[in-house]
C-alpha atoms as a PDB file:
ATOM      1  CA  UNK A   1       0.145   0.194  -0.254  1.00  0.00           C
ATOM      2  CA  UNK A   2       2.960   2.608   1.021  1.00  0.00           C
ATOM      3  CA  UNK A   3       4.372   1.957  -2.495  1.00  0.00           C
ATOM      4  CA  UNK A   4       1.231   2.754  -4.431  1.00  0.00           C
ATOM      5  CA  UNK A   5       0.654   6.349  -2.007  1.00  0.00           C
ATOM      6  CA  UNK A   6       3.822   7.021  -2.562  1.00  0.00           C
ATOM      7  CA  UNK A   7       3.834   6.746  -6.380  1.00  0.00           C
ATOM      8  CA  UNK A   8       0.510   8.977  -6.080  1.00  0.00           C
ATOM      9  CA  UNK A   9       2.077  11.475  -4.320  1.00  0.00           C
ATOM     10  CA  UNK A  10       4.867  11.854  -6.555  1.00  0.00           C
ATOM     11  CA  UNK A  11       2.198  12.271  -9.315  1.00  0.00           C
ATOM     12  CA  UNK A  12       0.140  14.745  -7.538  1.00  0.00           C
ATOM     13  CA  UNK A  13       3.643  16.728  -7.097  1.00  0.00           C
ATOM     14  CA  UNK A  14       4.202  16.279 -11.048  1.00  0.00           C
ATOM     15  CA  UNK A  15       0.705  17.165 -11.914  1.00  0.00           C
ATOM     16  CA  UNK A  16       1.150  20.331  -9.543  1.00  0.00           C
ATOM     17  CA  UNK A  17       4.181  21.597 -10.808  1.00  0.00           C
ATOM     18  CA  UNK A  18       3.281  21.098 -14.326  1.00  0.00           C
ATOM     19  CA  UNK A  19       0.115  23.340 -13.383  1.00  0.00           C
ATOM     20  CA  UNK A  20       2.548  25.927 -12.390  1.00  0.00           C
ATOM     21  CA  UNK A  21       4.133  26.185 -15.271  1.00  0.00           C
ATOM     22  CA  UNK A  22       7.499  24.147 -14.025  1.00  0.00           C
ATOM     23  CA  UNK A  23       8.662  20.735 -13.378  1.00  0.00           C
ATOM     24  CA  UNK A  24      11.118  21.994 -10.902  1.00  0.00           C
ATOM     25  CA  UNK A  25       9.908  21.723  -7.201  1.00  0.00           C
ATOM     26  CA  UNK A  26      10.936  24.917  -4.875  1.00  0.00           C
ATOM     27  CA  UNK A  27      12.589  22.722  -2.361  1.00  0.00           C
ATOM     28  CA  UNK A  28      15.316  21.926  -5.178  1.00  0.00           C
ATOM     29  CA  UNK A  29      16.400  25.714  -6.148  1.00  0.00           C
ATOM     30  CA  UNK A  30      18.879  27.112  -4.551  1.00  0.00           C
ATOM     31  CA  UNK A  31      17.907  30.045  -2.431  1.00  0.00           C
ATOM     32  CA  UNK A  32      19.783  32.287  -4.893  1.00  0.00           C
ATOM     33  CA  UNK A  33      18.242  31.512  -7.583  1.00  0.00           C
ATOM     34  CA  UNK A  34      14.483  32.048  -5.367  1.00  0.00           C
ATOM     35  CA  UNK A  35      14.985  35.520  -4.936  1.00  0.00           C
ATOM     36  CA  UNK A  36      16.358  35.823  -8.353  1.00  0.00           C
ATOM     37  CA  UNK A  37      12.986  34.888  -9.618  1.00  0.00           C
ATOM     38  CA  UNK A  38      10.867  36.479  -6.873  1.00  0.00           C
ATOM     39  CA  UNK A  39      12.727  39.737  -7.640  1.00  0.00           C
ATOM     40  CA  UNK A  40      12.177  39.346 -11.194  1.00  0.00           C
ATOM     41  CA  UNK A  41       8.062  38.211 -11.078  1.00  0.00           C
ATOM     42  CA  UNK A  42       7.364  41.321  -8.961  1.00  0.00           C
ATOM     43  CA  UNK A  43       8.902  43.481 -11.433  1.00  0.00           C
ATOM     44  CA  UNK A  44       6.928  42.358 -14.427  1.00  0.00           C
ATOM     45  CA  UNK A  45       5.364  45.208 -16.698  1.00  0.00           C
ATOM     46  CA  UNK A  46       7.476  47.464 -14.880  1.00  0.00           C
ATOM     47  CA  UNK A  47      10.876  49.192 -16.466  1.00  0.00           C
ATOM     48  CA  UNK A  48      14.399  47.864 -14.517  1.00  0.00           C
ATOM     49  CA  UNK A  49      17.107  50.598 -14.582  1.00  0.00           C
ATOM     50  CA  UNK A  50      17.196  52.280 -18.090  1.00  0.00           C
ATOM     51  CA  UNK A  51      15.244  49.537 -19.157  1.00  0.00           C
ATOM     52  CA  UNK A  52      18.236  47.888 -21.189  1.00  0.00           C
ATOM     53  CA  UNK A  53      17.920  43.806 -21.385  1.00  0.00           C
ATOM     54  CA  UNK A  54      21.097  43.565 -18.906  1.00  0.00           C
ATOM     55  CA  UNK A  55      19.744  45.730 -16.536  1.00  0.00           C
ATOM     56  CA  UNK A  56      16.906  43.114 -15.478  1.00  0.00           C
ATOM     57  CA  UNK A  57      19.755  40.479 -14.486  1.00  0.00           C
ATOM     58  CA  UNK A  58      22.147  42.930 -12.999  1.00  0.00           C
ATOM     59  CA  UNK A  59      19.472  43.955 -10.522  1.00  0.00           C
ATOM     60  CA  UNK A  60      18.149  40.809  -9.953  1.00  0.00           C
ATOM     61  CA  UNK A  61      21.114  39.372  -9.268  1.00  0.00           C
ATOM     62  CA  UNK A  62      22.332  42.251  -7.234  1.00  0.00           C
ATOM     63  CA  UNK A  63      18.926  42.414  -5.393  1.00  0.00           C
ATOM     64  CA  UNK A  64      19.547  38.506  -4.573  1.00  0.00           C
ATOM     65  CA  UNK A  65      23.087  38.851  -3.156  1.00  0.00           C
ATOM     66  CA  UNK A  66      24.504  36.849  -5.946  1.00  0.00           C
ATOM     67  CA  UNK A  67      28.252  37.145  -6.500  1.00  0.00           C
ATOM     68  CA  UNK A  68      29.041  38.066  -9.982  1.00  0.00           C
ATOM     69  CA  UNK A  69      31.807  40.333 -12.192  1.00  0.00           C
ATOM     70  CA  UNK A  70      28.872  43.198 -12.775  1.00  0.00           C
ATOM     71  CA  UNK A  71      29.391  42.646 -16.334  1.00  0.00           C
ATOM     72  CA  UNK A  72      28.528  39.218 -18.111  1.00  0.00           C
ATOM     73  CA  UNK A  73      29.944  36.898 -15.766  1.00  0.00           C
ATOM     74  CA  UNK A  74      26.499  36.187 -14.297  1.00  0.00           C
ATOM     75  CA  UNK A  75      27.680  33.147 -12.232  1.00  0.00           C
ATOM     76  CA  UNK A  76      28.690  29.670 -12.984  1.00  0.00           C
ATOM     77  CA  UNK A  77      28.216  28.601 -16.701  1.00  0.00           C
ATOM     78  CA  UNK A  78      25.634  25.585 -17.169  1.00  0.00           C
ATOM     79  CA  UNK A  79      25.299  23.008 -20.131  1.00  0.00           C
ATOM     80  CA  UNK A  80      21.436  22.857 -20.939  1.00  0.00           C
ATOM     81  CA  UNK A  81      22.199  19.521 -22.540  1.00  0.00           C
ATOM     82  CA  UNK A  82      24.001  17.893 -19.448  1.00  0.00           C
ATOM     83  CA  UNK A  83      22.670  19.849 -16.898  1.00  0.00           C
ATOM     84  CA  UNK A  84      18.954  20.895 -15.612  1.00  0.00           C
ATOM     85  CA  UNK A  85      18.904  24.534 -16.070  1.00  0.00           C
ATOM     86  CA  UNK A  86      16.840  25.934 -12.624  1.00  0.00           C
ATOM     87  CA  UNK A  87      14.396  29.148 -12.831  1.00  0.00           C
ATOM     88  CA  UNK A  88      16.465  32.264 -11.920  1.00  0.00           C
ATOM     89  CA  UNK A  89      19.789  31.332 -14.746  1.00  0.00           C
ATOM     90  CA  UNK A  90      20.356  33.724 -16.591  1.00  0.00           C
ATOM     91  CA  UNK A  91      20.774  33.236 -20.122  1.00  0.00           C
ATOM     92  CA  UNK A  92      22.859  34.924 -22.762  1.00  0.00           C
ATOM     93  CA  UNK A  93      22.439  34.796 -26.143  1.00  0.00           C
ATOM     94  CA  UNK A  94      24.759  36.383 -29.029  1.00  0.00           C
ATOM     95  CA  UNK A  95      23.171  36.654 -32.829  1.00  0.00           C
ATOM     96  CA  UNK A  96      20.288  34.147 -31.932  1.00  0.00           C
ATOM     97  CA  UNK A  97      17.869  33.463 -34.436  1.00  0.00           C
ATOM     98  CA  UNK A  98      14.493  31.540 -33.140  1.00  0.00           C
ATOM     99  CA  UNK A  99      12.041  30.390 -35.457  1.00  0.00           C
ATOM    100  CA  UNK A 100       8.376  29.469 -33.613  1.00  0.00           C
ATOM    101  CA  UNK A 101       6.076  27.656 -35.977  1.00  0.00           C
ATOM    102  CA  UNK A 102       2.410  28.312 -34.584  1.00  0.00           C
ATOM    103  CA  UNK A 103      -0.055  26.302 -36.990  1.00  0.00           C
ATOM    104  CA  UNK A 104       0.699  27.216 -40.361  1.00  0.00           C
ATOM    105  CA  UNK A 105       2.367  30.819 -39.509  1.00  0.00           C
ATOM    106  CA  UNK A 106       6.424  31.274 -38.942  1.00  0.00           C
ATOM    107  CA  UNK A 107       7.641  33.909 -36.336  1.00  0.00           C
ATOM    108  CA  UNK A 108      11.885  34.423 -36.381  1.00  0.00           C
ATOM    109  CA  UNK A 109      13.028  36.451 -33.566  1.00  0.00           C
ATOM    110  CA  UNK A 110      16.645  37.793 -33.580  1.00  0.00           C
ATOM    111  CA  UNK A 111      18.441  38.842 -30.993  1.00  0.00           C
ATOM    112  CA  UNK A 112      22.252  40.506 -31.312  1.00  0.00           C
ATOM    113  CA  UNK A 113      23.681  40.380 -27.498  1.00  0.00           C
ATOM    114  CA  UNK A 114      20.840  40.012 -25.323  1.00  0.00           C
ATOM    115  CA  UNK A 115      20.646  38.667 -21.612  1.00  0.00           C
ATOM    116  CA  UNK A 116      17.384  36.956 -19.763  1.00  0.00           C
ATOM    117  CA  UNK A 117      16.425  35.452 -16.877  1.00  0.00           C
ATOM    118  CA  UNK A 118      14.175  31.766 -16.353  1.00  0.00           C
ATOM    119  CA  UNK A 119      11.205  31.886 -14.281  1.00  0.00           C
ATOM    120  CA  UNK A 120      10.182  28.691 -15.430  1.00  0.00           C
ATOM    121  CA  UNK A 121      10.957  25.139 -16.664  1.00  0.00           C
ATOM    122  CA  UNK A 122       8.569  23.472 -18.556  1.00  0.00           C
ATOM    123  CA  UNK A 123      11.049  20.355 -19.670  1.00  0.00           C
ATOM    124  CA  UNK A 124      14.487  20.494 -20.766  1.00  0.00           C
ATOM    125  CA  UNK A 125      15.345  22.665 -23.119  1.00  0.00           C
ATOM    126  CA  UNK A 126      11.753  24.504 -22.901  1.00  0.00           C
ATOM    127  CA  UNK A 127      11.796  27.132 -20.383  1.00  0.00           C
ATOM    128  CA  UNK A 128       9.668  30.752 -19.420  1.00  0.00           C
ATOM    129  CA  UNK A 129      11.717  33.761 -19.749  1.00  0.00           C
ATOM    130  CA  UNK A 130      11.917  37.177 -18.186  1.00  0.00           C
ATOM    131  CA  UNK A 131      13.413  40.060 -20.411  1.00  0.00           C
ATOM    132  CA  UNK A 132      12.589  43.549 -21.610  1.00  0.00           C
ATOM    133  CA  UNK A 133      14.385  45.893 -24.233  1.00  0.00           C
ATOM    134  CA  UNK A 134      12.492  43.133 -26.470  1.00  0.00           C
ATOM    135  CA  UNK A 135       9.466  43.155 -28.553  1.00  0.00           C
ATOM    136  CA  UNK A 136       6.211  43.402 -27.923  1.00  0.00           C
ATOM    137  CA  UNK A 137       6.992  44.803 -24.305  1.00  0.00           C
ATOM    138  CA  UNK A 138       9.092  47.242 -25.530  1.00  0.00           C
ATOM    139  CA  UNK A 139      11.866  48.510 -22.173  1.00  0.00           C
ATOM    140  CA  UNK A 140       9.305  46.922 -19.760  1.00  0.00           C
ATOM    141  CA  UNK A 141      10.278  43.360 -18.316  1.00  0.00           C
ATOM    142  CA  UNK A 142       7.530  40.617 -19.869  1.00  0.00           C
ATOM    143  CA  UNK A 143       7.680  36.867 -19.789  1.00  0.00           C
ATOM    144  CA  UNK A 144       7.869  34.382 -23.127  1.00  0.00           C
ATOM    145  CA  UNK A 145       8.786  31.371 -24.120  1.00  0.00           C
ATOM    146  CA  UNK A 146      11.980  30.021 -25.431  1.00  0.00           C
ATOM    147  CA  UNK A 147      12.097  25.868 -26.198  1.00  0.00           C
ATOM    148  CA  UNK A 148      15.403  24.914 -27.652  1.00  0.00           C
ATOM    149  CA  UNK A 149      14.302  23.262 -30.823  1.00  0.00           C
ATOM    150  CA  UNK A 150      13.564  26.560 -31.866  1.00  0.00           C
ATOM    151  CA  UNK A 151      16.541  27.991 -31.930  1.00  0.00           C
ATOM    152  CA  UNK A 152      18.283  28.137 -35.628  1.00  0.00           C
ATOM    153  CA  UNK A 153      21.510  29.706 -34.858  1.00  0.00           C
ATOM    154  CA  UNK A 154      23.906  31.328 -32.036  1.00  0.00           C
ATOM    155  CA  UNK A 155      24.821  30.994 -28.874  1.00  0.00           C
ATOM    156  CA  UNK A 156      23.102  30.617 -25.851  1.00  0.00           C
ATOM    157  CA  UNK A 157      25.398  30.643 -22.452  1.00  0.00           C
ATOM    158  CA  UNK A 158      23.555  29.941 -19.204  1.00  0.00           C
ATOM    159  CA  UNK A 159      24.658  30.877 -16.259  1.00  0.00           C
ATOM    160  CA  UNK A 160      23.954  30.142 -12.567  1.00  0.00           C
ATOM    161  CA  UNK A 161      24.070  32.685 -10.125  1.00  0.00           C
ATOM    162  CA  UNK A 162      26.568  31.594  -7.025  1.00  0.00           C
ATOM    163  CA  UNK A 163      26.002  33.205  -3.297  1.00  0.00           C
END
C-alpha cells in the first residue's frame, strides 16, 4: 500500500508543478535562484534600470545578493544539454535566431547580444524567460517562451547565480 501511495504522491507533485508552469520543485531551487525569480516576477510590466535587457539580470542578481563580475559573467556556466536549467538562471544570447511555428505561421526572432532570466522550466530545453528591451514589451519586463528546439543559430550561454 505504501508503494502506491508514494507513486500517487509523486504523480500529484508532478501534476501540481506542471499546473504552475515548472517541473522544478521550489525545494530544489538554490535560495539565490529563488530570490532572483522573486525579484524578476515582481518587476513584470515595469521598467528596471534604464530598460536595457542587461539591467534586469544585473538588478535581480544584486537584489538576490549573488556574486558576479558586474559585467557578463553572471555566475557559473551551465550546459543545458547535460545539466538541468533552473528558474533564476541567467541566459546570454549572442547572434541568436529563434523560429517559432504556430500553425501555418512562422515567426522569427533575432537577438544580437541579449540577456534574459529563466523564470520557469517546462522541461529540458523548454523555458519561460523574463526580459526587457524586446518586442512586444519594449523597455518593460515581460515573460515569453524559449524552446531550444526553435533555436536556428547563434550561441546561448546559461549561468547559475552564486551566493
